[in-house]
Structure formats: structure tokens, C-alpha cells
């Protein structure tokens, strides 16, 4: 199951993006988003997020 970023909790720090092995995270409208089609469901992004804005969808 893909991970999802809560846009209300995301502080757009970008910590998650370089750690994603699939390159599934990008910036959009002031916050980061995860492309569910690319997401490997590895959880790396969730463990790196300082705002705890990422969880399984």
C-alpha cells in the first residue's frame, strides 16, 4: 500500500524527497506529494519526516 503525505501537516522541508528510492516524492503547491504509482511502500519517507506527516494510505 502506498504512503501519503498529509498536506495540512507537511511543512515542505523536503527531507523525505531525496531519501525516496523510487523518486516518488515531488513538490506541489507548497507541500510534498507521493506518486502512488511509483511508491514502493518501503516507509523510508515516513521514518525521515520530522513533522510526522507521512503515513500508509
N, C-alpha and C. Protein backbone atom coordinates (compact mmCIF):
# COMPACT_ATOMS: atom_id res chain seq x y z
N UNK A 1 0.84 -1.17 0.00
CA UNK A 1 0.00 0.00 0.00
C UNK A 1 0.89 1.25 0.00
N UNK A 2 0.58 2.18 -0.84
CA UNK A 2 1.38 3.40 -0.98
C UNK A 2 1.24 4.29 0.25
N UNK A 3 2.23 5.14 0.43
CA UNK A 3 2.21 6.12 1.51
C UNK A 3 1.63 7.42 0.99
N UNK A 4 1.14 8.24 1.92
CA UNK A 4 0.52 9.51 1.55
C UNK A 4 1.00 10.59 2.52
N UNK A 5 1.17 11.80 2.00
CA UNK A 5 1.58 12.93 2.81
C UNK A 5 0.36 13.79 3.12
N UNK A 6 0.15 14.08 4.39
CA UNK A 6 -0.95 14.95 4.81
C UNK A 6 -0.54 16.39 4.50
N UNK A 7 -1.21 17.05 3.54
CA UNK A 7 -0.81 18.41 3.15
C UNK A 7 -0.97 19.42 4.28
N UNK A 8 -1.84 19.13 5.24
CA UNK A 8 -2.05 20.04 6.36
C UNK A 8 -0.94 19.92 7.40
N UNK A 9 -0.26 18.78 7.44
CA UNK A 9 0.82 18.56 8.40
C UNK A 9 2.20 18.79 7.78
N UNK A 10 2.30 18.69 6.46
CA UNK A 10 3.58 18.84 5.76
C UNK A 10 4.10 20.27 5.90
N UNK A 11 5.35 20.39 6.32
CA UNK A 11 5.97 21.72 6.46
C UNK A 11 6.87 22.03 5.26
N UNK A 12 6.85 21.18 4.24
CA UNK A 12 7.59 21.35 2.99
C UNK A 12 9.09 21.50 3.22
N UNK A 13 9.62 20.74 4.17
CA UNK A 13 11.06 20.82 4.45
C UNK A 13 11.89 20.09 3.40
N UNK A 14 11.28 19.10 2.71
CA UNK A 14 11.98 18.37 1.67
C UNK A 14 12.84 17.22 2.15
N UNK A 15 12.82 16.92 3.44
CA UNK A 15 13.64 15.84 3.98
C UNK A 15 13.32 14.50 3.34
N UNK A 16 12.07 14.26 3.05
CA UNK A 16 11.62 12.98 2.51
C UNK A 16 12.06 12.74 1.07
N UNK A 17 12.09 13.77 0.27
CA UNK A 17 12.29 13.61 -1.18
C UNK A 17 13.59 12.92 -1.57
N UNK A 18 14.76 13.36 -1.09
CA UNK A 18 15.99 12.69 -1.53
C UNK A 18 16.15 11.28 -0.98
N UNK A 19 15.41 10.94 0.07
CA UNK A 19 15.53 9.60 0.66
C UNK A 19 14.64 8.57 -0.02
N UNK A 20 13.73 8.99 -0.89
CA UNK A 20 12.83 8.06 -1.56
C UNK A 20 13.58 7.29 -2.65
N UNK A 21 13.71 5.97 -2.52
CA UNK A 21 14.46 5.19 -3.51
C UNK A 21 13.75 5.11 -4.86
N UNK A 22 12.46 5.40 -4.90
CA UNK A 22 11.70 5.32 -6.15
C UNK A 22 11.54 6.67 -6.83
N UNK A 23 11.96 7.74 -6.18
CA UNK A 23 11.78 9.07 -6.75
C UNK A 23 10.32 9.43 -6.88
N UNK A 24 9.51 8.97 -5.92
CA UNK A 24 8.06 9.15 -5.99
C UNK A 24 7.57 10.44 -5.34
N UNK A 25 8.45 11.21 -4.72
CA UNK A 25 8.04 12.41 -4.00
C UNK A 25 8.45 13.66 -4.76
N UNK A 26 7.50 14.59 -4.87
CA UNK A 26 7.77 15.86 -5.53
C UNK A 26 7.02 16.97 -4.82
N UNK A 27 7.42 18.21 -5.11
CA UNK A 27 6.77 19.36 -4.50
C UNK A 27 5.59 19.79 -5.37
N UNK A 28 4.49 20.15 -4.72
CA UNK A 28 3.33 20.63 -5.45
C UNK A 28 2.54 21.58 -4.54
N UNK A 29 2.42 22.80 -4.96
CA UNK A 29 1.58 23.78 -4.27
C UNK A 29 1.92 23.95 -2.79
N UNK A 30 3.21 24.05 -2.49
CA UNK A 30 3.66 24.35 -1.13
C UNK A 30 3.79 23.16 -0.19
N UNK A 31 3.63 21.95 -0.72
CA UNK A 31 3.85 20.76 0.08
C UNK A 31 4.34 19.63 -0.82
N UNK A 32 4.77 18.55 -0.21
CA UNK A 32 5.26 17.40 -0.99
C UNK A 32 4.11 16.43 -1.23
N UNK A 33 4.19 15.70 -2.33
CA UNK A 33 3.22 14.68 -2.67
C UNK A 33 3.93 13.40 -3.07
N UNK A 34 3.28 12.28 -2.86
CA UNK A 34 3.82 10.98 -3.24
C UNK A 34 3.00 10.43 -4.40
N UNK A 35 3.68 10.06 -5.48
CA UNK A 35 3.03 9.43 -6.63
C UNK A 35 2.79 7.96 -6.26
N UNK A 36 1.54 7.60 -6.02
CA UNK A 36 1.20 6.25 -5.58
C UNK A 36 1.62 5.18 -6.59
N UNK A 37 1.68 5.53 -7.85
CA UNK A 37 2.09 4.59 -8.89
C UNK A 37 3.58 4.25 -8.84
N UNK A 38 4.37 5.15 -8.27
CA UNK A 38 5.82 4.93 -8.16
C UNK A 38 6.23 4.41 -6.78
N UNK A 39 5.39 4.67 -5.77
CA UNK A 39 5.73 4.35 -4.37
C UNK A 39 5.96 2.85 -4.19
N UNK A 40 7.07 2.50 -3.53
CA UNK A 40 7.41 1.11 -3.25
C UNK A 40 6.87 0.63 -1.91
N UNK A 41 6.24 1.52 -1.17
CA UNK A 41 5.70 1.22 0.17
C UNK A 41 6.79 0.77 1.14
N UNK A 42 7.97 1.34 1.00
CA UNK A 42 9.09 0.95 1.86
C UNK A 42 9.06 1.64 3.21
N UNK A 43 8.40 2.81 3.30
CA UNK A 43 8.30 3.52 4.57
C UNK A 43 9.46 4.41 4.91
N UNK A 44 10.45 4.52 4.04
CA UNK A 44 11.60 5.36 4.31
C UNK A 44 11.20 6.80 4.52
N UNK A 45 10.30 7.29 3.71
CA UNK A 45 9.87 8.68 3.82
C UNK A 45 9.21 8.95 5.17
N UNK A 46 8.36 8.04 5.62
CA UNK A 46 7.66 8.22 6.89
C UNK A 46 8.63 8.25 8.05
N UNK A 47 9.66 7.42 7.99
CA UNK A 47 10.62 7.40 9.09
C UNK A 47 11.51 8.64 9.11
N UNK A 48 11.66 9.31 7.99
CA UNK A 48 12.51 10.51 7.90
C UNK A 48 11.75 11.81 8.14
N UNK A 49 10.44 11.80 8.07
CA UNK A 49 9.64 13.02 8.16
C UNK A 49 9.64 13.60 9.58
N UNK A 50 10.21 14.80 9.76
CA UNK A 50 10.25 15.39 11.10
C UNK A 50 8.88 15.88 11.58
N UNK A 51 7.95 16.09 10.64
CA UNK A 51 6.61 16.58 11.00
C UNK A 51 5.61 15.43 11.19
N UNK A 52 6.07 14.21 10.97
CA UNK A 52 5.20 13.02 11.04
C UNK A 52 3.96 13.19 10.18
N UNK A 53 4.18 13.72 8.97
CA UNK A 53 3.08 14.00 8.05
C UNK A 53 2.85 12.88 7.04
N UNK A 54 3.61 11.79 7.14
CA UNK A 54 3.51 10.71 6.15
C UNK A 54 3.05 9.42 6.81
N UNK A 55 2.06 8.78 6.20
CA UNK A 55 1.53 7.51 6.72
C UNK A 55 1.04 6.65 5.57
N UNK A 56 0.83 5.37 5.85
CA UNK A 56 0.27 4.49 4.83
C UNK A 56 -1.12 4.96 4.45
N UNK A 57 -1.40 4.92 3.17
CA UNK A 57 -2.72 5.37 2.67
C UNK A 57 -3.76 4.30 2.89
